[in-house]
Amino acid sequence: MKLYIMRHGEAHYPKGSYSDRERRLTPEGEREVLTTTRWLVERHREVDSVFVSPYLRAQQTATVLFSELKTKHRENCDAITPDGHAAAVISWLAAEIETHGYETVVLVSHMPLVSYLVHELDASVQPPIFPTAGIAVIEFSPETLTGKFQQLMIAEKCAG
């Protein structure tokens, strides 16, 4: 099955009393997300499920994603925040995929988790440094909890 691991778009850094959870996308972040979303839509107009971190910037990224991409299922997931544990996320995700028969799934999350997920799925790949709005393409086997990293798409490559 095809797994797309997406980092949120560029976000403002908190000032004052704002927490990391409340960071908002910048206008550039929204543009990045729209660019990589359109690249994704060229491959899959509709996906089976999208799992989204509850942090504001990931939620805003998902809103842009859903403006272009159709999905049968959307769910917020507390396990895919920046400090999530890759092995636990992969086990949980495999169970979701097998239970529901998903063939295409998108995770919208954060650094460093997105990097750790790629490495945990495909140990031959060093954890990549995801640019904002980057999307890793993984051929994922829920039965073996392993994957094959195929590419990392970034906004500059999509626009060029």
N, C-alpha and C. Protein backbone atom coordinates (compact mmCIF):
# COMPACT_ATOMS: atom_id res chain seq x y z
N MET A 1 0.84 -1.17 0.00
CA MET A 1 0.00 0.00 0.00
C MET A 1 0.89 1.23 0.00
N LYS A 2 0.32 2.36 -0.41
CA LYS A 2 1.08 3.60 -0.53
C LYS A 2 0.84 4.46 0.70
N LEU A 3 1.96 4.86 1.32
CA LEU A 3 1.92 5.74 2.49
C LEU A 3 2.64 7.03 2.16
N TYR A 4 1.97 8.14 2.39
CA TYR A 4 2.55 9.47 2.21
C TYR A 4 2.72 10.09 3.59
N ILE A 5 3.95 10.43 3.93
CA ILE A 5 4.24 11.06 5.21
C ILE A 5 4.55 12.52 4.91
N MET A 6 3.71 13.41 5.42
CA MET A 6 3.81 14.83 5.08
C MET A 6 4.13 15.66 6.32
N ARG A 7 5.10 16.55 6.17
CA ARG A 7 5.37 17.53 7.22
C ARG A 7 4.50 18.76 6.96
N HIS A 8 4.06 19.40 8.02
CA HIS A 8 3.26 20.63 7.90
C HIS A 8 4.04 21.71 7.15
N GLY A 9 3.34 22.73 6.70
CA GLY A 9 3.98 23.86 6.03
C GLY A 9 4.71 24.76 7.02
N GLU A 10 5.44 25.72 6.47
CA GLU A 10 6.20 26.67 7.29
C GLU A 10 5.26 27.35 8.29
N ALA A 11 5.72 27.45 9.53
CA ALA A 11 4.89 28.03 10.60
C ALA A 11 5.63 29.15 11.31
N HIS A 12 4.85 30.07 11.86
CA HIS A 12 5.42 31.15 12.68
C HIS A 12 6.01 30.55 13.94
N TYR A 13 7.08 31.17 14.42
CA TYR A 13 7.64 30.74 15.70
C TYR A 13 6.91 31.48 16.80
N PRO A 14 6.61 30.79 17.89
CA PRO A 14 5.82 31.41 18.95
C PRO A 14 6.54 32.57 19.61
N LYS A 15 5.77 33.59 19.92
CA LYS A 15 6.27 34.74 20.67
C LYS A 15 5.38 34.90 21.88
N GLY A 16 5.97 35.26 22.97
CA GLY A 16 5.18 35.46 24.17
C GLY A 16 4.69 34.16 24.75
N SER A 17 3.39 34.09 25.03
CA SER A 17 2.83 32.95 25.74
C SER A 17 2.31 31.84 24.83
N TYR A 18 2.51 31.94 23.51
CA TYR A 18 2.02 30.90 22.61
C TYR A 18 2.81 29.62 22.79
N SER A 19 2.12 28.52 22.78
CA SER A 19 2.79 27.23 22.89
C SER A 19 3.11 26.69 21.49
N ASP A 20 3.94 25.67 21.45
CA ASP A 20 4.28 25.03 20.19
C ASP A 20 3.03 24.50 19.49
N ARG A 21 2.06 24.03 20.26
CA ARG A 21 0.81 23.49 19.71
C ARG A 21 0.02 24.53 18.92
N GLU A 22 0.23 25.82 19.23
CA GLU A 22 -0.57 26.90 18.64
C GLU A 22 0.10 27.60 17.47
N ARG A 23 1.25 27.12 17.03
CA ARG A 23 1.93 27.76 15.91
C ARG A 23 1.08 27.67 14.65
N ARG A 24 0.97 28.80 13.93
CA ARG A 24 0.14 28.90 12.73
C ARG A 24 1.00 28.88 11.48
N LEU A 25 0.42 28.43 10.37
CA LEU A 25 1.13 28.49 9.10
C LEU A 25 1.34 29.94 8.68
N THR A 26 2.46 30.20 8.04
CA THR A 26 2.71 31.49 7.41
C THR A 26 2.05 31.46 6.03
N PRO A 27 1.91 32.61 5.37
CA PRO A 27 1.42 32.59 3.99
C PRO A 27 2.32 31.72 3.08
N GLU A 28 3.63 31.76 3.30
CA GLU A 28 4.54 30.91 2.53
C GLU A 28 4.26 29.44 2.83
N GLY A 29 3.97 29.12 4.08
CA GLY A 29 3.64 27.75 4.44
C GLY A 29 2.39 27.25 3.73
N GLU A 30 1.39 28.10 3.63
CA GLU A 30 0.18 27.73 2.91
C GLU A 30 0.48 27.48 1.43
N ARG A 31 1.34 28.32 0.84
CA ARG A 31 1.72 28.14 -0.57
C ARG A 31 2.47 26.82 -0.77
N GLU A 32 3.41 26.53 0.13
CA GLU A 32 4.16 25.27 0.05
C GLU A 32 3.22 24.07 0.09
N VAL A 33 2.30 24.10 1.04
CA VAL A 33 1.37 22.98 1.20
C VAL A 33 0.51 22.82 -0.06
N LEU A 34 0.02 23.92 -0.60
CA LEU A 34 -0.79 23.85 -1.81
C LEU A 34 0.02 23.25 -2.96
N THR A 35 1.28 23.63 -3.07
CA THR A 35 2.14 23.12 -4.15
C THR A 35 2.34 21.61 -4.02
N THR A 36 2.71 21.12 -2.85
CA THR A 36 2.95 19.68 -2.71
C THR A 36 1.64 18.91 -2.73
N THR A 37 0.56 19.52 -2.27
CA THR A 37 -0.75 18.87 -2.35
C THR A 37 -1.14 18.64 -3.80
N ARG A 38 -0.91 19.62 -4.64
CA ARG A 38 -1.27 19.47 -6.06
C ARG A 38 -0.43 18.36 -6.70
N TRP A 39 0.82 18.24 -6.29
CA TRP A 39 1.66 17.12 -6.77
C TRP A 39 1.04 15.80 -6.35
N LEU A 40 0.61 15.70 -5.09
CA LEU A 40 -0.01 14.48 -4.58
C LEU A 40 -1.31 14.16 -5.33
N VAL A 41 -2.11 15.17 -5.58
CA VAL A 41 -3.39 14.98 -6.26
C VAL A 41 -3.18 14.45 -7.68
N GLU A 42 -2.07 14.81 -8.32
CA GLU A 42 -1.78 14.26 -9.65
C GLU A 42 -1.60 12.75 -9.59
N ARG A 43 -1.21 12.22 -8.44
CA ARG A 43 -1.00 10.78 -8.28
C ARG A 43 -2.23 10.08 -7.72
N HIS A 44 -2.93 10.76 -6.81
CA HIS A 44 -4.12 10.20 -6.17
C HIS A 44 -5.11 11.32 -5.94
N ARG A 45 -6.17 11.36 -6.70
CA ARG A 45 -7.21 12.38 -6.50
C ARG A 45 -7.95 12.13 -5.18
N GLU A 46 -7.98 10.86 -4.80
CA GLU A 46 -8.65 10.47 -3.56
C GLU A 46 -7.77 9.48 -2.82
N VAL A 47 -7.71 9.61 -1.50
CA VAL A 47 -6.99 8.66 -0.66
C VAL A 47 -7.98 8.05 0.32
N ASP A 48 -7.59 6.90 0.86
CA ASP A 48 -8.49 6.21 1.78
C ASP A 48 -8.60 6.90 3.13
N SER A 49 -7.46 7.37 3.65
CA SER A 49 -7.50 7.96 4.99
C SER A 49 -6.37 8.97 5.15
N VAL A 50 -6.66 10.00 5.96
CA VAL A 50 -5.66 10.99 6.34
C VAL A 50 -5.67 11.09 7.86
N PHE A 51 -4.50 10.92 8.46
CA PHE A 51 -4.33 11.06 9.90
C PHE A 51 -3.54 12.33 10.15
N VAL A 52 -4.02 13.16 11.08
CA VAL A 52 -3.47 14.50 11.28
C VAL A 52 -3.14 14.73 12.75
N SER A 53 -1.96 15.31 12.98
CA SER A 53 -1.59 15.75 14.32
C SER A 53 -2.60 16.81 14.78
N PRO A 54 -2.88 16.87 16.09
CA PRO A 54 -3.81 17.88 16.58
C PRO A 54 -3.21 19.30 16.65
N TYR A 55 -1.90 19.45 16.45
CA TYR A 55 -1.28 20.77 16.51
C TYR A 55 -1.84 21.66 15.40
N LEU A 56 -1.99 22.95 15.69
CA LEU A 56 -2.66 23.88 14.79
C LEU A 56 -2.04 23.90 13.40
N ARG A 57 -0.72 23.94 13.28
CA ARG A 57 -0.10 24.02 11.95
C ARG A 57 -0.37 22.78 11.12
N ALA A 58 -0.47 21.62 11.75
CA ALA A 58 -0.81 20.39 11.03
C ALA A 58 -2.28 20.43 10.62
N GLN A 59 -3.14 20.93 11.49
CA GLN A 59 -4.56 21.05 11.16
C GLN A 59 -4.77 22.00 9.98
N GLN A 60 -4.02 23.11 9.98
CA GLN A 60 -4.12 24.06 8.86
C GLN A 60 -3.58 23.43 7.57
N THR A 61 -2.51 22.65 7.69
CA THR A 61 -1.98 21.94 6.53
C THR A 61 -3.04 21.00 5.98
N ALA A 62 -3.71 20.28 6.85
CA ALA A 62 -4.76 19.36 6.42
C ALA A 62 -5.92 20.09 5.76
N THR A 63 -6.25 21.27 6.24
CA THR A 63 -7.32 22.06 5.61
C THR A 63 -6.97 22.38 4.16
N VAL A 64 -5.72 22.78 3.91
CA VAL A 64 -5.28 23.04 2.54
C VAL A 64 -5.32 21.74 1.74
N LEU A 65 -4.84 20.68 2.33
CA LEU A 65 -4.83 19.37 1.68
C LEU A 65 -6.24 18.97 1.24
N PHE A 66 -7.21 19.14 2.13
CA PHE A 66 -8.59 18.74 1.84
C PHE A 66 -9.28 19.68 0.85
N SER A 67 -8.71 20.86 0.63
CA SER A 67 -9.30 21.75 -0.39
C SER A 67 -9.06 21.20 -1.80
N GLU A 68 -8.08 20.30 -1.94
CA GLU A 68 -7.73 19.75 -3.24
C GLU A 68 -7.93 18.23 -3.33
N LEU A 69 -7.78 17.54 -2.22
CA LEU A 69 -7.73 16.08 -2.18
C LEU A 69 -8.99 15.53 -1.52
N LYS A 70 -9.54 14.49 -2.10
CA LYS A 70 -10.70 13.83 -1.49
C LYS A 70 -10.21 12.68 -0.62
N THR A 71 -10.90 12.46 0.48
CA THR A 71 -10.58 11.34 1.35
C THR A 71 -11.86 10.73 1.88
N LYS A 72 -11.79 9.45 2.13
CA LYS A 72 -12.94 8.74 2.69
C LYS A 72 -12.97 8.84 4.21
N HIS A 73 -11.82 9.11 4.80
CA HIS A 73 -11.72 9.11 6.26
C HIS A 73 -10.65 10.10 6.69
N ARG A 74 -10.98 10.88 7.73
CA ARG A 74 -10.02 11.81 8.33
C ARG A 74 -10.09 11.63 9.83
N GLU A 75 -8.91 11.63 10.45
CA GLU A 75 -8.88 11.43 11.90
C GLU A 75 -7.71 12.19 12.50
N ASN A 76 -7.96 12.88 13.61
CA ASN A 76 -6.88 13.48 14.38
C ASN A 76 -6.23 12.39 15.20
N CYS A 77 -4.92 12.49 15.35
CA CYS A 77 -4.17 11.44 16.03
C CYS A 77 -3.13 12.05 16.95
N ASP A 78 -3.34 11.89 18.25
CA ASP A 78 -2.42 12.45 19.25
C ASP A 78 -1.04 11.81 19.21
N ALA A 79 -0.91 10.63 18.62
CA ALA A 79 0.38 9.92 18.60
C ALA A 79 1.36 10.50 17.57
N ILE A 80 0.89 11.35 16.65
CA ILE A 80 1.78 11.83 15.61
C ILE A 80 2.18 13.29 15.78
N THR A 81 2.38 13.69 17.02
CA THR A 81 2.92 15.01 17.36
C THR A 81 4.45 14.94 17.26
N PRO A 82 5.15 16.07 17.41
CA PRO A 82 6.61 16.06 17.23
C PRO A 82 7.35 15.03 18.09
N ASP A 83 6.86 14.76 19.27
CA ASP A 83 7.56 13.82 20.17
C ASP A 83 6.97 12.41 20.14
N GLY A 84 6.21 12.08 19.09
CA GLY A 84 5.67 10.74 18.95
C GLY A 84 6.77 9.70 18.77
N HIS A 85 6.46 8.45 19.03
CA HIS A 85 7.42 7.35 18.92
C HIS A 85 7.16 6.58 17.63
N ALA A 86 8.16 6.56 16.76
CA ALA A 86 7.99 6.00 15.42
C ALA A 86 7.51 4.56 15.43
N ALA A 87 8.14 3.70 16.22
CA ALA A 87 7.75 2.28 16.22
C ALA A 87 6.30 2.10 16.65
N ALA A 88 5.88 2.84 17.67
CA ALA A 88 4.50 2.74 18.13
C ALA A 88 3.52 3.25 17.08
N VAL A 89 3.88 4.34 16.40
CA VAL A 89 3.01 4.89 15.35
C VAL A 89 2.87 3.88 14.21
N ILE A 90 3.96 3.23 13.83
CA ILE A 90 3.91 2.27 12.73
C ILE A 90 3.05 1.06 13.10
N SER A 91 3.17 0.57 14.32
CA SER A 91 2.32 -0.55 14.76
C SER A 91 0.85 -0.17 14.75
N TRP A 92 0.55 1.00 15.28
CA TRP A 92 -0.83 1.49 15.30
C TRP A 92 -1.36 1.66 13.87
N LEU A 93 -0.54 2.28 13.00
CA LEU A 93 -0.95 2.52 11.62
C LEU A 93 -1.20 1.21 10.88
N ALA A 94 -0.33 0.23 11.07
CA ALA A 94 -0.51 -1.07 10.42
C ALA A 94 -1.84 -1.71 10.84
N ALA A 95 -2.19 -1.60 12.11
CA ALA A 95 -3.46 -2.15 12.58
C ALA A 95 -4.64 -1.42 11.93
N GLU A 96 -4.56 -0.10 11.82
CA GLU A 96 -5.62 0.68 11.16
C GLU A 96 -5.77 0.26 9.69
N ILE A 97 -4.65 0.12 9.01
CA ILE A 97 -4.67 -0.24 7.59
C ILE A 97 -5.28 -1.62 7.40
N GLU A 98 -4.84 -2.57 8.20
CA GLU A 98 -5.36 -3.93 8.06
C GLU A 98 -6.83 -4.02 8.45
N THR A 99 -7.23 -3.31 9.49
CA THR A 99 -8.63 -3.33 9.93
C THR A 99 -9.57 -2.78 8.86
N HIS A 100 -9.14 -1.69 8.20
CA HIS A 100 -10.02 -0.99 7.27
C HIS A 100 -9.71 -1.26 5.79
N GLY A 101 -8.63 -1.97 5.53
CA GLY A 101 -8.28 -2.29 4.14
C GLY A 101 -7.81 -1.09 3.34
N TYR A 102 -7.18 -0.11 3.99
CA TYR A 102 -6.71 1.07 3.29
C TYR A 102 -5.61 0.72 2.29
N GLU A 103 -5.63 1.41 1.14
CA GLU A 103 -4.59 1.25 0.11
C GLU A 103 -3.72 2.50 -0.03
N THR A 104 -4.27 3.67 0.35
CA THR A 104 -3.52 4.93 0.32
C THR A 104 -3.81 5.71 1.58
N VAL A 105 -2.75 6.10 2.27
CA VAL A 105 -2.89 6.82 3.54
C VAL A 105 -1.90 7.99 3.55
N VAL A 106 -2.34 9.11 4.12
CA VAL A 106 -1.48 10.28 4.33
C VAL A 106 -1.42 10.54 5.83
N LEU A 107 -0.19 10.75 6.34
CA LEU A 107 0.02 11.21 7.72
C LEU A 107 0.50 12.65 7.63
N VAL A 108 -0.12 13.57 8.37
CA VAL A 108 0.33 14.97 8.43
C VAL A 108 0.89 15.18 9.82
N SER A 109 2.22 15.39 9.89
CA SER A 109 2.88 15.44 11.19
C SER A 109 4.01 16.46 11.19
N HIS A 110 5.04 16.20 11.98
CA HIS A 110 6.09 17.17 12.31
C HIS A 110 7.47 16.53 12.30
N MET A 111 8.49 17.40 12.22
CA MET A 111 9.85 16.97 12.53
C MET A 111 9.92 16.90 14.05
N PRO A 112 10.65 16.01 14.63
CA PRO A 112 11.49 15.01 13.98
C PRO A 112 10.76 13.70 13.66
N LEU A 113 9.50 13.56 14.08
CA LEU A 113 8.80 12.29 13.91
C LEU A 113 8.77 11.84 12.45
N VAL A 114 8.51 12.74 11.51
CA VAL A 114 8.42 12.32 10.11
C VAL A 114 9.72 11.66 9.65
N SER A 115 10.85 12.20 10.07
CA SER A 115 12.15 11.61 9.72
C SER A 115 12.33 10.24 10.35
N TYR A 116 11.98 10.13 11.61
CA TYR A 116 12.12 8.86 12.31
C TYR A 116 11.21 7.78 11.71
N LEU A 117 10.03 8.18 11.26
CA LEU A 117 9.12 7.22 10.63
C LEU A 117 9.73 6.63 9.35
N VAL A 118 10.30 7.49 8.52
CA VAL A 118 10.91 7.01 7.27
C VAL A 118 12.02 6.02 7.59
N HIS A 119 12.89 6.36 8.54
CA HIS A 119 14.00 5.47 8.89
C HIS A 119 13.52 4.17 9.54
N GLU A 120 12.51 4.27 10.37
CA GLU A 120 11.96 3.07 11.03
C GLU A 120 11.34 2.12 10.00
N LEU A 121 10.72 2.68 8.98
CA LEU A 121 10.10 1.86 7.92
C LEU A 121 11.13 1.27 6.97
N ASP A 122 12.16 2.05 6.65
CA ASP A 122 13.19 1.62 5.71
C ASP A 122 14.56 1.92 6.32
N ALA A 123 15.11 0.94 7.02
CA ALA A 123 16.37 1.13 7.75
C ALA A 123 17.55 1.44 6.83
N SER A 124 17.41 1.22 5.52
CA SER A 124 18.49 1.53 4.59
C SER A 124 18.60 3.03 4.32
N VAL A 125 17.61 3.80 4.79
CA VAL A 125 17.57 5.24 4.57
C VAL A 125 17.86 5.97 5.88
N GLN A 126 18.84 6.86 5.85
CA GLN A 126 19.08 7.70 7.01
C GLN A 126 17.86 8.60 7.21
N PRO A 127 17.56 8.97 8.46
CA PRO A 127 16.40 9.85 8.67
C PRO A 127 16.55 11.14 7.86
N PRO A 128 15.68 11.37 6.88
CA PRO A 128 15.83 12.57 6.05
C PRO A 128 15.41 13.83 6.80
N ILE A 129 16.03 14.93 6.43
CA ILE A 129 15.63 16.23 6.96
C ILE A 129 14.50 16.73 6.05
N PHE A 130 13.29 16.66 6.55
CA PHE A 130 12.13 17.07 5.76
C PHE A 130 12.06 18.59 5.69
N PRO A 131 11.95 19.16 4.51
CA PRO A 131 11.62 20.58 4.44
C PRO A 131 10.14 20.74 4.79
N THR A 132 9.73 21.94 5.11
CA THR A 132 8.31 22.15 5.40
C THR A 132 7.49 21.78 4.16
N ALA A 133 6.36 21.16 4.40
CA ALA A 133 5.42 20.67 3.38
C ALA A 133 5.98 19.54 2.53
N GLY A 134 7.11 18.97 2.93
CA GLY A 134 7.68 17.83 2.22
C GLY A 134 6.82 16.59 2.38
N ILE A 135 6.83 15.74 1.37
CA ILE A 135 6.06 14.49 1.40
C ILE A 135 6.97 13.34 1.03
N ALA A 136 7.11 12.39 1.95
CA ALA A 136 7.85 11.16 1.67
C ALA A 136 6.87 10.13 1.13
N VAL A 137 7.30 9.43 0.09
CA VAL A 137 6.49 8.38 -0.53
C VAL A 137 7.10 7.05 -0.11
N ILE A 138 6.26 6.21 0.51
CA ILE A 138 6.71 4.92 1.03
C ILE A 138 5.78 3.82 0.51
N GLU A 139 6.36 2.74 0.03
CA GLU A 139 5.58 1.54 -0.25
C GLU A 139 5.62 0.74 1.06
N PHE A 140 4.48 0.64 1.74
CA PHE A 140 4.41 0.11 3.11
C PHE A 140 3.73 -1.25 3.15
N SER A 141 4.34 -2.16 3.89
CA SER A 141 3.75 -3.48 4.12
C SER A 141 3.30 -3.56 5.57
N PRO A 142 1.99 -3.44 5.84
CA PRO A 142 1.51 -3.52 7.21
C PRO A 142 1.80 -4.87 7.86
N GLU A 143 1.87 -5.92 7.05
CA GLU A 143 2.11 -7.26 7.60
C GLU A 143 3.50 -7.38 8.22
N THR A 144 4.49 -6.74 7.59
CA THR A 144 5.87 -6.85 8.09
C THR A 144 6.34 -5.61 8.85
N LEU A 145 5.51 -4.57 8.87
CA LEU A 145 5.84 -3.29 9.51
C LEU A 145 7.08 -2.66 8.89
N THR A 146 7.29 -2.91 7.60
CA THR A 146 8.43 -2.33 6.90
C THR A 146 7.95 -1.61 5.65
N GLY A 147 8.83 -0.82 5.11
CA GLY A 147 8.49 -0.09 3.90
C GLY A 147 9.70 0.13 3.03
N LYS A 148 9.46 0.62 1.84
CA LYS A 148 10.51 0.98 0.91
C LYS A 148 10.34 2.44 0.56
N PHE A 149 11.31 3.25 0.99
CA PHE A 149 11.31 4.69 0.68
C PHE A 149 11.47 4.86 -0.82
N GLN A 150 10.59 5.68 -1.43
CA GLN A 150 10.66 5.90 -2.87
C GLN A 150 11.16 7.28 -3.24
N GLN A 151 10.69 8.31 -2.54
CA GLN A 151 11.16 9.66 -2.82
C GLN A 151 10.67 10.62 -1.76
N LEU A 152 11.32 11.79 -1.72
CA LEU A 152 10.90 12.89 -0.86
C LEU A 152 10.60 14.06 -1.78
N MET A 153 9.33 14.44 -1.86
CA MET A 153 8.91 15.53 -2.74
C MET A 153 8.86 16.81 -1.92
N ILE A 154 9.45 17.86 -2.49
CA ILE A 154 9.45 19.15 -1.81
C ILE A 154 8.83 20.19 -2.73
N ALA A 155 8.38 21.29 -2.15
CA ALA A 155 7.64 22.31 -2.90
C ALA A 155 8.44 22.84 -4.09
N GLU A 156 9.74 23.04 -3.92
CA GLU A 156 10.56 23.60 -5.00
C GLU A 156 10.60 22.65 -6.20
N LYS A 157 10.64 21.34 -5.96
CA LYS A 157 10.65 20.38 -7.06
C LYS A 157 9.30 20.34 -7.76
N CYS A 158 8.24 20.50 -7.00
CA CYS A 158 6.89 20.46 -7.59
C CYS A 158 6.65 21.68 -8.47
N ALA A 159 7.15 22.82 -8.03
CA ALA A 159 6.90 24.06 -8.74
C ALA A 159 7.79 24.21 -9.97
N GLY A 160 8.92 23.48 -9.97
CA GLY A 160 9.89 23.63 -11.06
C GLY A 160 9.61 22.80 -12.18
